[in-house]
Every structure is written in structure tokens, then in C-alpha cells.
Amino acid sequence: MKRNLLLLLLAMVSGWLLAACNDGEDGIKPVDTVRVGDRVPAFQVTLHDGTTFDSRTLEGKVTVITFFNTTCGDCRRFLPQLEAAYRQVKTAAAPLAQTRFVAISRAQNDADVTHYWTAQQFTVPYSAQGDRAIYRLFAQAVIPRVYVINREGKVTAAFNDVDTPDATKLQAAIAAAWQ
């Protein structure tokens, strides 16, 4: 009896964690609105330090945009890789060190994201978004999502929960975008 109850509880928790990574809306498939070769849609967010990130100013530098939610298991596994890539790129030689990073939460408030960022000692710039408006400019479902954008404002690499990159793979995509 205890074993069955434990298995049921495990199944429920697993389902909850998976739902955190998926959109949670029945009938919506993981549709990519933005794909490799596309220009980044126009959007503007306020970062945790009060500065503004505006997608209309992407040209001239390579940029990495990540969508996440800290309750998503796949995101929790990926975010340390993003942080590692960020730290390594920021200490690299130019032009690699000029790469911009922004992590944007999908439907998660500032207090929760800030708490997680602080606990994990992350330094990647982030913007907590309480809704899915910015996220839906890029996709309809599934996180994490990572977009590497070249100096012309076009997506040169895109990753999701199926092919989430480690720090090395992400750095390679960033280096390729500078070419």
C-alpha cells in the first residue's frame, strides 16, 4: 500500500514538473514562431538592474536570448550551462566578449526569479515577465528556449528542451554567429 501511494505521489510530482516546462494549454503543440534565419521580433523588456533591453538595437553584436521558468526541471538543468557560457564568453577576447545575453522568464514574477538567481549565484542579465506576451513572440510552447542572434539581427541557432545545449555547444553557436 505504501509503495503504491509512493508511486502515485512520484507520478503526480513528475507530471507537475513536466507541466512547468510545457505550456500547459491543451491542444497547443510546441510551435516555433521564430526559427533559424528569421529576424528577431520587436520587443522591449526591463532587466533586473533597471536597464532596458530592446530587440531593435541588436544589430552589430551577437545576442543570446533564453526563455525559462525556474520551476521547470529542464530549465533548472540548463541554466547553470547558460551561466557557465556567459562567464566564459565575458572573459574571452573581443569580439566574443561583446556578446549580449538576456534570460527572460515565461510567466514568473520578479520575486521568484530574483530569489532563484540569488540562490544559484547567477550573473546572467534577466527580465522577469509575469505573463507570456514576450515568449509568445518566439514560440507557443516548451521551455527552455535559446536563440543565438547574429550581428544582422537574424537567428543563427535555436535550441529547446529536446536539444538544450551545454556551455560548450552554446559557446560554439555564439562563435559561429560572430563569423
N, C-alpha and C. Protein backbone atom coordinates (compact mmCIF):
# COMPACT_ATOMS: atom_id res chain seq x y z
N MET A 1 0.82 -1.19 0.00
CA MET A 1 0.00 0.00 0.00
C MET A 1 0.88 1.27 0.00
N LYS A 2 1.89 1.28 0.89
CA LYS A 2 2.79 2.43 0.93
C LYS A 2 3.52 2.60 -0.39
N ARG A 3 3.90 1.48 -0.98
CA ARG A 3 4.63 1.53 -2.25
C ARG A 3 3.75 2.13 -3.35
N ASN A 4 2.49 1.71 -3.41
CA ASN A 4 1.57 2.25 -4.42
C ASN A 4 1.33 3.74 -4.20
N LEU A 5 1.20 4.13 -2.95
CA LEU A 5 1.00 5.54 -2.64
C LEU A 5 2.23 6.36 -3.03
N LEU A 6 3.40 5.81 -2.77
CA LEU A 6 4.65 6.48 -3.14
C LEU A 6 4.77 6.61 -4.66
N LEU A 7 4.42 5.56 -5.39
CA LEU A 7 4.46 5.61 -6.86
C LEU A 7 3.48 6.64 -7.40
N LEU A 8 2.29 6.69 -6.81
CA LEU A 8 1.30 7.67 -7.24
C LEU A 8 1.80 9.09 -6.99
N LEU A 9 2.38 9.31 -5.82
CA LEU A 9 2.92 10.62 -5.50
C LEU A 9 4.05 11.00 -6.45
N LEU A 10 4.93 10.06 -6.74
CA LEU A 10 6.03 10.29 -7.67
C LEU A 10 5.50 10.65 -9.06
N ALA A 11 4.49 9.95 -9.51
CA ALA A 11 3.90 10.23 -10.82
C ALA A 11 3.28 11.63 -10.85
N MET A 12 2.63 12.01 -9.77
CA MET A 12 2.00 13.33 -9.71
C MET A 12 3.06 14.44 -9.73
N VAL A 13 4.12 14.27 -8.96
CA VAL A 13 5.18 15.27 -8.93
C VAL A 13 5.87 15.36 -10.28
N SER A 14 6.13 14.22 -10.91
CA SER A 14 6.75 14.22 -12.24
C SER A 14 5.87 14.95 -13.24
N GLY A 15 4.59 14.70 -13.19
CA GLY A 15 3.66 15.38 -14.09
C GLY A 15 3.65 16.88 -13.88
N TRP A 16 3.72 17.29 -12.62
CA TRP A 16 3.75 18.72 -12.31
C TRP A 16 5.01 19.36 -12.85
N LEU A 17 6.15 18.70 -12.68
CA LEU A 17 7.41 19.25 -13.18
C LEU A 17 7.42 19.34 -14.69
N LEU A 18 6.89 18.33 -15.36
CA LEU A 18 6.81 18.38 -16.82
C LEU A 18 5.88 19.47 -17.29
N ALA A 19 4.79 19.67 -16.57
CA ALA A 19 3.84 20.72 -16.94
C ALA A 19 4.47 22.09 -16.81
N ALA A 20 5.40 22.24 -15.89
CA ALA A 20 6.07 23.52 -15.73
C ALA A 20 6.90 23.86 -16.96
N CYS A 21 7.41 22.86 -17.65
CA CYS A 21 8.23 23.09 -18.83
C CYS A 21 7.39 23.27 -20.08
N ASN A 22 6.23 22.62 -20.11
CA ASN A 22 5.35 22.73 -21.25
C ASN A 22 4.40 23.89 -21.01
N ASP A 23 3.71 24.31 -22.02
CA ASP A 23 2.85 25.47 -21.93
C ASP A 23 1.64 25.24 -21.04
N GLY A 24 1.21 24.01 -20.91
CA GLY A 24 0.09 23.71 -20.05
C GLY A 24 -1.27 23.98 -20.67
N GLU A 25 -1.30 24.38 -21.92
CA GLU A 25 -2.56 24.64 -22.58
C GLU A 25 -2.85 23.49 -23.52
N ASP A 26 -3.94 22.82 -23.27
CA ASP A 26 -4.30 21.65 -24.08
C ASP A 26 -4.43 22.02 -25.55
N GLY A 27 -3.91 21.15 -26.39
CA GLY A 27 -4.06 21.32 -27.82
C GLY A 27 -2.99 22.16 -28.48
N ILE A 28 -2.14 22.80 -27.71
CA ILE A 28 -1.09 23.61 -28.31
C ILE A 28 0.17 22.78 -28.42
N LYS A 29 0.67 22.65 -29.63
CA LYS A 29 1.89 21.89 -29.86
C LYS A 29 3.09 22.84 -29.77
N PRO A 30 4.28 22.29 -29.55
CA PRO A 30 5.46 23.15 -29.44
C PRO A 30 5.81 23.81 -30.77
N VAL A 31 5.09 24.86 -31.09
CA VAL A 31 5.26 25.56 -32.36
C VAL A 31 6.30 26.66 -32.19
N ASP A 32 7.26 26.66 -33.09
CA ASP A 32 8.27 27.71 -33.10
C ASP A 32 7.77 28.85 -33.97
N THR A 33 7.60 30.01 -33.39
CA THR A 33 7.22 31.19 -34.16
C THR A 33 8.45 31.77 -34.84
N VAL A 34 9.58 31.76 -34.12
CA VAL A 34 10.85 32.25 -34.64
C VAL A 34 11.76 31.05 -34.89
N ARG A 35 12.32 31.00 -36.09
CA ARG A 35 13.20 29.89 -36.47
C ARG A 35 14.54 30.42 -36.95
N VAL A 36 15.48 29.51 -37.13
CA VAL A 36 16.79 29.88 -37.67
C VAL A 36 16.59 30.58 -39.02
N GLY A 37 17.26 31.70 -39.19
CA GLY A 37 17.13 32.50 -40.42
C GLY A 37 16.16 33.66 -40.28
N ASP A 38 15.29 33.62 -39.28
CA ASP A 38 14.32 34.70 -39.06
C ASP A 38 14.97 35.87 -38.33
N ARG A 39 14.38 37.04 -38.55
CA ARG A 39 14.76 38.21 -37.75
C ARG A 39 14.03 38.12 -36.42
N VAL A 40 14.63 38.69 -35.41
CA VAL A 40 14.02 38.69 -34.08
C VAL A 40 12.87 39.69 -34.06
N PRO A 41 11.73 39.31 -33.47
CA PRO A 41 10.61 40.25 -33.40
C PRO A 41 10.95 41.44 -32.48
N ALA A 42 10.27 42.54 -32.71
CA ALA A 42 10.48 43.74 -31.90
C ALA A 42 9.87 43.54 -30.52
N PHE A 43 10.67 43.77 -29.49
CA PHE A 43 10.18 43.74 -28.11
C PHE A 43 11.15 44.51 -27.23
N GLN A 44 10.67 44.86 -26.07
CA GLN A 44 11.47 45.60 -25.11
C GLN A 44 11.15 45.07 -23.72
N VAL A 45 12.18 44.83 -22.91
CA VAL A 45 11.99 44.38 -21.52
C VAL A 45 12.90 45.17 -20.60
N THR A 46 12.49 45.27 -19.36
CA THR A 46 13.32 45.88 -18.33
C THR A 46 14.07 44.77 -17.62
N LEU A 47 15.39 44.92 -17.55
CA LEU A 47 16.22 43.92 -16.89
C LEU A 47 16.22 44.14 -15.38
N HIS A 48 16.72 43.15 -14.67
CA HIS A 48 16.72 43.17 -13.21
C HIS A 48 17.47 44.37 -12.62
N ASP A 49 18.40 44.92 -13.36
CA ASP A 49 19.17 46.06 -12.86
C ASP A 49 18.55 47.41 -13.25
N GLY A 50 17.36 47.36 -13.88
CA GLY A 50 16.66 48.58 -14.26
C GLY A 50 16.95 49.08 -15.66
N THR A 51 17.94 48.48 -16.34
CA THR A 51 18.23 48.88 -17.71
C THR A 51 17.22 48.25 -18.66
N THR A 52 17.19 48.75 -19.87
CA THR A 52 16.24 48.27 -20.87
C THR A 52 16.96 47.46 -21.94
N PHE A 53 16.37 46.34 -22.29
CA PHE A 53 16.85 45.54 -23.42
C PHE A 53 15.83 45.72 -24.53
N ASP A 54 16.28 46.21 -25.68
CA ASP A 54 15.40 46.47 -26.82
C ASP A 54 15.91 45.68 -28.02
N SER A 55 15.07 44.81 -28.54
CA SER A 55 15.49 43.95 -29.66
C SER A 55 15.79 44.74 -30.93
N ARG A 56 15.31 45.96 -31.01
CA ARG A 56 15.57 46.77 -32.20
C ARG A 56 17.01 47.28 -32.24
N THR A 57 17.76 47.05 -31.15
CA THR A 57 19.15 47.51 -31.11
C THR A 57 20.13 46.34 -31.15
N LEU A 58 19.69 45.20 -31.68
CA LEU A 58 20.54 44.01 -31.70
C LEU A 58 21.66 44.08 -32.73
N GLU A 59 21.45 44.79 -33.80
CA GLU A 59 22.44 44.78 -34.88
C GLU A 59 23.79 45.30 -34.41
N GLY A 60 24.83 44.61 -34.87
CA GLY A 60 26.19 44.99 -34.52
C GLY A 60 26.84 44.08 -33.49
N LYS A 61 26.03 43.38 -32.70
CA LYS A 61 26.57 42.46 -31.70
C LYS A 61 25.78 41.16 -31.72
N VAL A 62 26.45 40.10 -31.35
CA VAL A 62 25.77 38.81 -31.20
C VAL A 62 25.03 38.82 -29.87
N THR A 63 23.84 38.23 -29.87
CA THR A 63 23.00 38.22 -28.68
C THR A 63 22.45 36.82 -28.43
N VAL A 64 22.36 36.44 -27.16
CA VAL A 64 21.75 35.18 -26.76
C VAL A 64 20.51 35.51 -25.94
N ILE A 65 19.35 35.05 -26.41
CA ILE A 65 18.09 35.24 -25.69
C ILE A 65 17.62 33.87 -25.23
N THR A 66 17.33 33.76 -23.94
CA THR A 66 16.87 32.50 -23.35
C THR A 66 15.53 32.72 -22.67
N PHE A 67 14.60 31.79 -22.88
CA PHE A 67 13.33 31.79 -22.17
C PHE A 67 13.32 30.62 -21.20
N PHE A 68 12.84 30.87 -19.99
CA PHE A 68 12.91 29.86 -18.93
C PHE A 68 11.81 30.10 -17.90
N ASN A 69 11.68 29.16 -16.98
CA ASN A 69 10.89 29.30 -15.76
C ASN A 69 11.62 28.47 -14.72
N THR A 70 11.85 29.02 -13.55
CA THR A 70 12.68 28.32 -12.56
C THR A 70 12.01 27.10 -11.94
N THR A 71 10.73 26.88 -12.21
CA THR A 71 10.07 25.66 -11.72
C THR A 71 10.18 24.53 -12.73
N CYS A 72 10.71 24.80 -13.89
CA CYS A 72 10.86 23.81 -14.96
C CYS A 72 12.15 23.01 -14.75
N GLY A 73 12.04 21.70 -14.67
CA GLY A 73 13.20 20.84 -14.45
C GLY A 73 14.24 20.97 -15.55
N ASP A 74 13.80 21.00 -16.81
CA ASP A 74 14.75 21.16 -17.92
C ASP A 74 15.47 22.51 -17.83
N CYS A 75 14.75 23.54 -17.42
CA CYS A 75 15.36 24.86 -17.27
C CYS A 75 16.38 24.85 -16.13
N ARG A 76 16.04 24.20 -15.04
CA ARG A 76 16.97 24.12 -13.90
C ARG A 76 18.25 23.39 -14.29
N ARG A 77 18.15 22.43 -15.18
CA ARG A 77 19.35 21.74 -15.65
C ARG A 77 20.14 22.61 -16.64
N PHE A 78 19.45 23.40 -17.43
CA PHE A 78 20.12 24.22 -18.45
C PHE A 78 20.73 25.51 -17.90
N LEU A 79 20.06 26.17 -16.99
CA LEU A 79 20.51 27.50 -16.55
C LEU A 79 21.96 27.53 -16.05
N PRO A 80 22.46 26.51 -15.33
CA PRO A 80 23.89 26.53 -14.98
C PRO A 80 24.80 26.48 -16.22
N GLN A 81 24.35 25.82 -17.28
CA GLN A 81 25.12 25.80 -18.53
C GLN A 81 25.14 27.19 -19.17
N LEU A 82 24.00 27.86 -19.13
CA LEU A 82 23.93 29.23 -19.64
C LEU A 82 24.87 30.14 -18.85
N GLU A 83 24.83 30.01 -17.53
CA GLU A 83 25.71 30.81 -16.68
C GLU A 83 27.18 30.54 -16.99
N ALA A 84 27.53 29.27 -17.17
CA ALA A 84 28.92 28.91 -17.48
C ALA A 84 29.35 29.52 -18.82
N ALA A 85 28.49 29.43 -19.82
CA ALA A 85 28.80 30.03 -21.12
C ALA A 85 28.94 31.54 -20.99
N TYR A 86 28.04 32.15 -20.24
CA TYR A 86 28.08 33.61 -20.03
C TYR A 86 29.41 34.03 -19.41
N ARG A 87 29.81 33.36 -18.35
CA ARG A 87 31.06 33.71 -17.67
C ARG A 87 32.28 33.50 -18.57
N GLN A 88 32.27 32.42 -19.34
CA GLN A 88 33.40 32.14 -20.22
C GLN A 88 33.47 33.14 -21.37
N VAL A 89 32.33 33.46 -21.94
CA VAL A 89 32.30 34.41 -23.06
C VAL A 89 32.71 35.80 -22.59
N LYS A 90 32.26 36.20 -21.42
CA LYS A 90 32.58 37.54 -20.91
C LYS A 90 34.06 37.73 -20.63
N THR A 91 34.79 36.65 -20.43
CA THR A 91 36.24 36.76 -20.18
C THR A 91 37.06 36.44 -21.43
N ALA A 92 36.40 36.20 -22.54
CA ALA A 92 37.08 35.89 -23.81
C ALA A 92 37.57 37.18 -24.47
N ALA A 93 38.34 37.00 -25.51
CA ALA A 93 38.82 38.15 -26.28
C ALA A 93 37.69 38.73 -27.13
N ALA A 94 37.86 39.97 -27.54
CA ALA A 94 36.89 40.60 -28.45
C ALA A 94 36.96 39.88 -29.79
N PRO A 95 35.90 39.78 -30.53
CA PRO A 95 34.59 40.35 -30.26
C PRO A 95 33.71 39.46 -29.38
N LEU A 96 34.14 38.23 -29.11
CA LEU A 96 33.31 37.29 -28.34
C LEU A 96 32.82 37.89 -27.02
N ALA A 97 33.68 38.63 -26.34
CA ALA A 97 33.32 39.21 -25.04
C ALA A 97 32.22 40.26 -25.14
N GLN A 98 31.94 40.73 -26.36
CA GLN A 98 30.89 41.73 -26.56
C GLN A 98 29.51 41.11 -26.74
N THR A 99 29.42 39.79 -26.68
CA THR A 99 28.14 39.10 -26.83
C THR A 99 27.20 39.53 -25.72
N ARG A 100 25.96 39.83 -26.09
CA ARG A 100 24.95 40.21 -25.10
C ARG A 100 24.11 38.99 -24.75
N PHE A 101 23.74 38.88 -23.50
CA PHE A 101 22.89 37.80 -23.00
C PHE A 101 21.68 38.41 -22.31
N VAL A 102 20.52 37.80 -22.49
CA VAL A 102 19.35 38.14 -21.69
C VAL A 102 18.52 36.87 -21.50
N ALA A 103 18.17 36.61 -20.26
CA ALA A 103 17.30 35.48 -19.91
C ALA A 103 15.94 36.08 -19.53
N ILE A 104 14.89 35.59 -20.16
CA ILE A 104 13.55 36.14 -19.96
C ILE A 104 12.65 35.05 -19.40
N SER A 105 12.05 35.32 -18.24
CA SER A 105 11.18 34.30 -17.65
C SER A 105 9.86 34.25 -18.39
N ARG A 106 9.29 33.06 -18.42
CA ARG A 106 7.97 32.87 -19.01
C ARG A 106 6.98 32.74 -17.86
N ALA A 107 6.15 33.75 -17.69
CA ALA A 107 5.08 33.73 -16.69
C ALA A 107 5.60 33.42 -15.29
N GLN A 108 6.58 34.21 -14.85
CA GLN A 108 7.11 34.05 -13.49
C GLN A 108 7.47 35.42 -12.95
N ASN A 109 7.05 35.68 -11.72
CA ASN A 109 7.23 37.01 -11.15
C ASN A 109 8.67 37.30 -10.75
N ASP A 110 8.93 38.58 -10.56
CA ASP A 110 10.28 39.04 -10.25
C ASP A 110 10.82 38.48 -8.94
N ALA A 111 10.00 38.40 -7.92
CA ALA A 111 10.46 37.90 -6.62
C ALA A 111 10.97 36.47 -6.72
N ASP A 112 10.23 35.62 -7.42
CA ASP A 112 10.63 34.22 -7.57
C ASP A 112 11.91 34.08 -8.39
N VAL A 113 12.00 34.82 -9.48
CA VAL A 113 13.19 34.74 -10.33
C VAL A 113 14.40 35.30 -9.58
N THR A 114 14.24 36.43 -8.93
CA THR A 114 15.35 37.04 -8.18
C THR A 114 15.84 36.10 -7.08
N HIS A 115 14.91 35.48 -6.36
CA HIS A 115 15.28 34.53 -5.30
C HIS A 115 16.12 33.39 -5.89
N TYR A 116 15.66 32.83 -7.00
CA TYR A 116 16.38 31.71 -7.62
C TYR A 116 17.76 32.17 -8.12
N TRP A 117 17.81 33.31 -8.79
CA TRP A 117 19.07 33.82 -9.33
C TRP A 117 20.08 34.03 -8.20
N THR A 118 19.61 34.61 -7.10
CA THR A 118 20.48 34.86 -5.95
C THR A 118 20.97 33.55 -5.33
N ALA A 119 20.06 32.61 -5.14
CA ALA A 119 20.42 31.32 -4.53
C ALA A 119 21.44 30.57 -5.39
N GLN A 120 21.32 30.68 -6.70
CA GLN A 120 22.22 29.98 -7.62
C GLN A 120 23.48 30.79 -7.95
N GLN A 121 23.51 32.03 -7.49
CA GLN A 121 24.62 32.95 -7.76
C GLN A 121 24.83 33.18 -9.26
N PHE A 122 23.71 33.28 -9.99
CA PHE A 122 23.76 33.55 -11.42
C PHE A 122 24.04 35.04 -11.65
N THR A 123 24.75 35.32 -12.73
CA THR A 123 25.06 36.70 -13.10
C THR A 123 24.53 37.08 -14.48
N VAL A 124 23.91 36.14 -15.17
CA VAL A 124 23.32 36.42 -16.49
C VAL A 124 22.21 37.46 -16.30
N PRO A 125 22.21 38.52 -17.09
CA PRO A 125 21.12 39.50 -17.00
C PRO A 125 19.77 38.84 -17.29
N TYR A 126 18.76 39.20 -16.50
CA TYR A 126 17.45 38.58 -16.68
C TYR A 126 16.33 39.61 -16.59
N SER A 127 15.20 39.23 -17.14
CA SER A 127 13.98 40.02 -17.06
C SER A 127 12.85 39.09 -16.65
N ALA A 128 12.25 39.36 -15.53
CA ALA A 128 11.12 38.56 -15.07
C ALA A 128 9.85 39.09 -15.73
N GLN A 129 9.16 38.21 -16.41
CA GLN A 129 7.91 38.57 -17.09
C GLN A 129 6.77 37.77 -16.47
N GLY A 130 5.80 38.44 -15.92
CA GLY A 130 4.69 37.77 -15.25
C GLY A 130 3.70 37.12 -16.19
N ASP A 131 3.83 37.38 -17.47
CA ASP A 131 2.92 36.77 -18.45
C ASP A 131 3.74 36.09 -19.55
N ARG A 132 3.07 35.74 -20.63
CA ARG A 132 3.74 35.04 -21.73
C ARG A 132 3.81 35.89 -23.00
N ALA A 133 3.56 37.16 -22.89
CA ALA A 133 3.47 38.03 -24.07
C ALA A 133 4.77 38.02 -24.88
N ILE A 134 5.91 38.25 -24.25
CA ILE A 134 7.19 38.27 -24.97
C ILE A 134 7.51 36.87 -25.48
N TYR A 135 7.32 35.87 -24.62
CA TYR A 135 7.59 34.48 -25.00
C TYR A 135 6.83 34.10 -26.26
N ARG A 136 5.56 34.48 -26.35
CA ARG A 136 4.72 34.08 -27.49
C ARG A 136 5.12 34.76 -28.80
N LEU A 137 5.96 35.77 -28.74
CA LEU A 137 6.51 36.32 -29.97
C LEU A 137 7.49 35.33 -30.61
N PHE A 138 8.04 34.43 -29.78
CA PHE A 138 9.05 33.47 -30.22
C PHE A 138 8.51 32.05 -30.38
N ALA A 139 7.60 31.64 -29.50
CA ALA A 139 7.11 30.25 -29.51
C ALA A 139 5.78 30.18 -28.77
N GLN A 140 5.11 29.05 -28.95
CA GLN A 140 3.83 28.85 -28.29
C GLN A 140 3.91 27.89 -27.11
N ALA A 141 4.93 27.06 -27.08
CA ALA A 141 5.06 26.07 -26.01
C ALA A 141 6.51 25.62 -25.88
N VAL A 142 6.82 25.07 -24.74
CA VAL A 142 8.08 24.40 -24.42
C VAL A 142 9.20 25.39 -24.04
N ILE A 143 9.77 25.14 -22.90
CA ILE A 143 10.97 25.81 -22.43
C ILE A 143 11.91 24.77 -21.85
N PRO A 144 13.18 25.03 -21.76
CA PRO A 144 13.84 26.27 -22.12
C PRO A 144 13.94 26.43 -23.63
N ARG A 145 14.11 27.67 -24.04
CA ARG A 145 14.36 28.02 -25.43
C ARG A 145 15.53 28.98 -25.46
N VAL A 146 16.43 28.76 -26.40
CA VAL A 146 17.63 29.58 -26.52
C VAL A 146 17.76 30.00 -27.98
N TYR A 147 17.97 31.28 -28.20
CA TYR A 147 18.17 31.82 -29.55
C TYR A 147 19.50 32.56 -29.58
N VAL A 148 20.33 32.22 -30.57
CA VAL A 148 21.58 32.95 -30.80
C VAL A 148 21.34 33.81 -32.04
N ILE A 149 21.56 35.11 -31.88
CA ILE A 149 21.26 36.07 -32.94
C ILE A 149 22.56 36.71 -33.41
N ASN A 150 22.75 36.77 -34.73
CA ASN A 150 23.99 37.34 -35.28
C ASN A 150 23.94 38.87 -35.31
N ARG A 151 24.99 39.48 -35.85
CA ARG A 151 25.11 40.94 -35.87
C ARG A 151 24.09 41.62 -36.77
N GLU A 152 23.46 40.85 -37.64
CA GLU A 152 22.43 41.41 -38.52
C GLU A 152 21.03 41.26 -37.92
N GLY A 153 20.93 40.71 -36.73
CA GLY A 153 19.63 40.55 -36.07
C GLY A 153 18.87 39.31 -36.49
N LYS A 154 19.58 38.35 -37.10
CA LYS A 154 18.94 37.10 -37.53
C LYS A 154 19.35 35.94 -36.62
N VAL A 155 18.40 35.04 -36.40
CA VAL A 155 18.66 33.87 -35.57
C VAL A 155 19.55 32.90 -36.35
N THR A 156 20.69 32.55 -35.75
CA THR A 156 21.62 31.60 -36.39
C THR A 156 21.59 30.24 -35.72
N ALA A 157 21.06 30.17 -34.50
CA ALA A 157 20.91 28.89 -33.80
C ALA A 157 19.73 29.00 -32.85
N ALA A 158 18.97 27.91 -32.75
CA ALA A 158 17.83 27.87 -31.84
C ALA A 158 17.79 26.50 -31.18
N PHE A 159 17.57 26.50 -29.88
CA PHE A 159 17.54 25.26 -29.10
C PHE A 159 16.29 25.26 -28.23
N ASN A 160 15.80 24.05 -27.92
CA ASN A 160 14.69 23.93 -26.97
C ASN A 160 14.97 22.76 -26.03
N ASP A 161 13.95 22.25 -25.37
CA ASP A 161 14.17 21.20 -24.38
C ASP A 161 14.64 19.88 -24.99
N VAL A 162 14.49 19.71 -26.29
CA VAL A 162 14.92 18.48 -26.95
C VAL A 162 16.43 18.48 -27.19
N ASP A 163 16.97 19.64 -27.54
CA ASP A 163 18.40 19.74 -27.87
C ASP A 163 19.09 20.85 -27.08
N THR A 164 18.73 20.98 -25.82
CA THR A 164 19.29 22.02 -24.98
C THR A 164 20.82 21.93 -24.98
N PRO A 165 21.50 23.03 -25.28
CA PRO A 165 22.96 22.97 -25.38
C PRO A 165 23.65 23.00 -24.01
N ASP A 166 24.82 22.39 -23.96
CA ASP A 166 25.67 22.60 -22.79
C ASP A 166 26.48 23.87 -23.07
N ALA A 167 27.31 24.27 -22.12
CA ALA A 167 28.07 25.52 -22.26
C ALA A 167 28.96 25.51 -23.50
N THR A 168 29.58 24.37 -23.78
CA THR A 168 30.49 24.26 -24.92
C THR A 168 29.74 24.43 -26.24
N LYS A 169 28.61 23.76 -26.37
CA LYS A 169 27.81 23.85 -27.60
C LYS A 169 27.27 25.27 -27.79
N LEU A 170 26.86 25.90 -26.70
CA LEU A 170 26.35 27.26 -26.78
C LEU A 170 27.47 28.22 -27.18
N GLN A 171 28.64 28.04 -26.62
CA GLN A 171 29.78 28.89 -26.99
C GLN A 171 30.13 28.72 -28.47
N ALA A 172 30.05 27.51 -28.97
CA ALA A 172 30.33 27.26 -30.39
C ALA A 172 29.31 27.99 -31.26
N ALA A 173 28.04 27.96 -30.86
CA ALA A 173 27.00 28.65 -31.62
C ALA A 173 27.22 30.16 -31.59
N ILE A 174 27.68 30.66 -30.46
CA ILE A 174 27.97 32.10 -30.33
C ILE A 174 29.15 32.47 -31.24
N ALA A 175 30.20 31.68 -31.19
CA ALA A 175 31.38 31.95 -32.03
C ALA A 175 31.00 31.92 -33.51
N ALA A 176 30.16 30.97 -33.90
CA ALA A 176 29.73 30.88 -35.30
C ALA A 176 28.91 32.11 -35.70
N ALA A 177 28.14 32.65 -34.78
CA ALA A 177 27.32 33.83 -35.08
C ALA A 177 28.18 35.07 -35.31
N TRP A 178 29.37 35.09 -34.75
CA TRP A 178 30.28 36.22 -34.96
C TRP A 178 30.98 36.14 -36.31
N GLN A 179 30.94 34.99 -36.98
CA GLN A 179 31.62 34.81 -38.27
C GLN A 179 30.94 35.59 -39.37
